[in-house]
Amino acid sequence: MNRELTWRKSSRSGSSGGNCIELASMESMVAVRDSKDPHGPVLVVSRAALRDAVRAADG
């Protein structure tokens, strides 16, 4: 990723750590990473794919 991204932590994340993700908006995509590993891998997905995944998980 060539540009600096602005990461936002999930609003469902607690202050005690645990399973948290961070999201960063890109032009037509969304970058997702593990908040405990900010220098680790980043998953880039379309907005539609992320929306569908959240809806399926909320189920």
N, C-alpha and C. Protein backbone atom coordinates (compact mmCIF):
# COMPACT_ATOMS: atom_id res chain seq x y z
N MET A 1 0.84 -1.17 0.00
CA MET A 1 0.00 0.00 0.00
C MET A 1 0.88 1.23 0.00
N ASN A 2 0.67 2.06 -0.97
CA ASN A 2 1.57 3.18 -1.20
C ASN A 2 1.29 4.39 -0.32
N ARG A 3 0.09 4.50 0.19
CA ARG A 3 -0.24 5.71 0.96
C ARG A 3 -0.50 5.36 2.41
N GLU A 4 -0.40 6.37 3.23
CA GLU A 4 -0.68 6.19 4.65
C GLU A 4 -2.19 6.05 4.84
N LEU A 5 -2.59 5.02 5.54
CA LEU A 5 -4.01 4.79 5.79
C LEU A 5 -4.39 5.29 7.18
N THR A 6 -5.62 5.71 7.34
CA THR A 6 -6.15 6.10 8.64
C THR A 6 -6.97 4.94 9.17
N TRP A 7 -6.45 4.30 10.21
CA TRP A 7 -7.08 3.10 10.77
C TRP A 7 -8.06 3.47 11.87
N ARG A 8 -9.19 2.76 11.91
CA ARG A 8 -10.20 2.93 12.97
C ARG A 8 -10.46 1.58 13.61
N LYS A 9 -10.47 1.57 14.93
CA LYS A 9 -10.73 0.33 15.66
C LYS A 9 -12.23 0.09 15.73
N SER A 10 -12.63 -1.16 15.72
CA SER A 10 -14.03 -1.53 15.82
C SER A 10 -14.67 -0.94 17.07
N SER A 11 -15.89 -0.46 16.93
CA SER A 11 -16.59 0.10 18.08
C SER A 11 -16.98 -0.98 19.09
N ARG A 12 -16.94 -2.24 18.67
CA ARG A 12 -17.26 -3.35 19.57
C ARG A 12 -16.04 -3.83 20.34
N SER A 13 -14.90 -3.24 20.11
CA SER A 13 -13.70 -3.67 20.78
C SER A 13 -13.64 -3.10 22.19
N GLY A 14 -13.29 -3.92 23.12
CA GLY A 14 -13.19 -3.48 24.51
C GLY A 14 -11.80 -2.95 24.83
N SER A 15 -11.64 -2.43 26.00
CA SER A 15 -10.35 -1.88 26.41
C SER A 15 -9.38 -2.95 26.89
N SER A 16 -9.86 -4.18 27.05
CA SER A 16 -9.00 -5.25 27.58
C SER A 16 -8.28 -6.04 26.49
N GLY A 17 -8.30 -5.55 25.26
CA GLY A 17 -7.64 -6.27 24.17
C GLY A 17 -8.58 -7.27 23.55
N GLY A 18 -8.13 -8.50 23.40
CA GLY A 18 -8.99 -9.53 22.84
C GLY A 18 -9.01 -9.50 21.33
N ASN A 19 -10.10 -9.97 20.76
CA ASN A 19 -10.22 -10.06 19.31
C ASN A 19 -10.73 -8.75 18.73
N CYS A 20 -9.83 -7.95 18.19
CA CYS A 20 -10.19 -6.65 17.64
C CYS A 20 -9.67 -6.52 16.22
N ILE A 21 -10.43 -5.81 15.42
CA ILE A 21 -9.95 -5.49 14.09
C ILE A 21 -9.95 -3.99 13.92
N GLU A 22 -9.18 -3.54 12.94
CA GLU A 22 -9.17 -2.14 12.55
C GLU A 22 -9.46 -2.08 11.07
N LEU A 23 -10.15 -1.03 10.67
CA LEU A 23 -10.52 -0.83 9.27
C LEU A 23 -9.93 0.48 8.77
N ALA A 24 -9.58 0.50 7.49
CA ALA A 24 -9.13 1.73 6.85
C ALA A 24 -9.81 1.81 5.49
N SER A 25 -10.36 2.96 5.20
CA SER A 25 -11.07 3.16 3.94
C SER A 25 -10.07 3.46 2.83
N MET A 26 -10.27 2.77 1.72
CA MET A 26 -9.50 3.04 0.51
C MET A 26 -10.53 3.45 -0.54
N GLU A 27 -10.13 3.80 -1.72
CA GLU A 27 -11.06 4.32 -2.71
C GLU A 27 -12.34 3.49 -2.82
N SER A 28 -12.26 2.31 -3.35
CA SER A 28 -13.46 1.47 -3.46
C SER A 28 -13.33 0.20 -2.63
N MET A 29 -12.30 0.15 -1.81
CA MET A 29 -12.01 -1.04 -1.02
C MET A 29 -11.90 -0.67 0.46
N VAL A 30 -11.80 -1.71 1.29
CA VAL A 30 -11.59 -1.52 2.72
C VAL A 30 -10.42 -2.41 3.14
N ALA A 31 -9.49 -1.85 3.88
CA ALA A 31 -8.37 -2.62 4.42
C ALA A 31 -8.74 -3.05 5.84
N VAL A 32 -8.40 -4.29 6.19
CA VAL A 32 -8.72 -4.85 7.50
C VAL A 32 -7.44 -5.45 8.08
N ARG A 33 -7.19 -5.17 9.36
CA ARG A 33 -6.02 -5.75 10.02
C ARG A 33 -6.34 -6.08 11.47
N ASP A 34 -5.51 -6.89 12.07
CA ASP A 34 -5.60 -7.25 13.49
C ASP A 34 -5.01 -6.11 14.29
N SER A 35 -5.77 -5.54 15.21
CA SER A 35 -5.27 -4.39 15.97
C SER A 35 -4.09 -4.74 16.86
N LYS A 36 -3.93 -6.02 17.21
CA LYS A 36 -2.80 -6.44 18.04
C LYS A 36 -1.51 -6.57 17.23
N ASP A 37 -1.62 -6.55 15.89
CA ASP A 37 -0.46 -6.72 15.02
C ASP A 37 -0.50 -5.68 13.91
N PRO A 38 -0.31 -4.40 14.25
CA PRO A 38 -0.47 -3.34 13.27
C PRO A 38 0.54 -3.38 12.11
N HIS A 39 1.62 -4.10 12.27
CA HIS A 39 2.60 -4.21 11.19
C HIS A 39 2.48 -5.54 10.45
N GLY A 40 1.46 -6.32 10.81
CA GLY A 40 1.24 -7.62 10.19
C GLY A 40 0.46 -7.50 8.89
N PRO A 41 -0.07 -8.62 8.44
CA PRO A 41 -0.77 -8.65 7.16
C PRO A 41 -2.05 -7.81 7.17
N VAL A 42 -2.41 -7.34 5.98
CA VAL A 42 -3.62 -6.55 5.77
C VAL A 42 -4.45 -7.24 4.71
N LEU A 43 -5.71 -7.40 5.00
CA LEU A 43 -6.66 -7.97 4.04
C LEU A 43 -7.39 -6.81 3.38
N VAL A 44 -7.42 -6.79 2.05
CA VAL A 44 -8.12 -5.74 1.32
C VAL A 44 -9.29 -6.38 0.59
N VAL A 45 -10.49 -5.88 0.88
CA VAL A 45 -11.71 -6.44 0.29
C VAL A 45 -12.59 -5.31 -0.22
N SER A 46 -13.52 -5.66 -1.09
CA SER A 46 -14.48 -4.67 -1.56
C SER A 46 -15.44 -4.32 -0.44
N ARG A 47 -16.05 -3.17 -0.53
CA ARG A 47 -17.03 -2.77 0.47
C ARG A 47 -18.20 -3.76 0.50
N ALA A 48 -18.62 -4.23 -0.67
CA ALA A 48 -19.73 -5.19 -0.75
C ALA A 48 -19.37 -6.50 -0.06
N ALA A 49 -18.15 -6.98 -0.25
CA ALA A 49 -17.73 -8.24 0.39
C ALA A 49 -17.69 -8.09 1.91
N LEU A 50 -17.20 -6.95 2.40
CA LEU A 50 -17.18 -6.72 3.85
C LEU A 50 -18.59 -6.63 4.40
N ARG A 51 -19.46 -5.91 3.71
CA ARG A 51 -20.86 -5.78 4.14
C ARG A 51 -21.52 -7.15 4.21
N ASP A 52 -21.31 -7.98 3.18
CA ASP A 52 -21.91 -9.32 3.16
C ASP A 52 -21.37 -10.19 4.29
N ALA A 53 -20.08 -10.08 4.58
CA ALA A 53 -19.48 -10.87 5.66
C ALA A 53 -20.03 -10.45 7.02
N VAL A 54 -20.19 -9.15 7.22
CA VAL A 54 -20.74 -8.67 8.50
C VAL A 54 -22.19 -9.11 8.65
N ARG A 55 -22.96 -9.00 7.59
CA ARG A 55 -24.36 -9.44 7.65
C ARG A 55 -24.47 -10.93 7.94
N ALA A 56 -23.60 -11.73 7.32
CA ALA A 56 -23.63 -13.17 7.52
C ALA A 56 -23.24 -13.52 8.96
N ALA A 57 -22.27 -12.81 9.52
CA ALA A 57 -21.82 -13.07 10.89
C ALA A 57 -22.85 -12.62 11.92
N ASP A 58 -23.59 -11.59 11.59
CA ASP A 58 -24.58 -11.03 12.51
C ASP A 58 -25.82 -11.90 12.55
N GLY A 59 -26.01 -12.68 11.54
CA GLY A 59 -27.02 -13.54 11.31
C GLY A 59 -28.20 -14.02 11.76
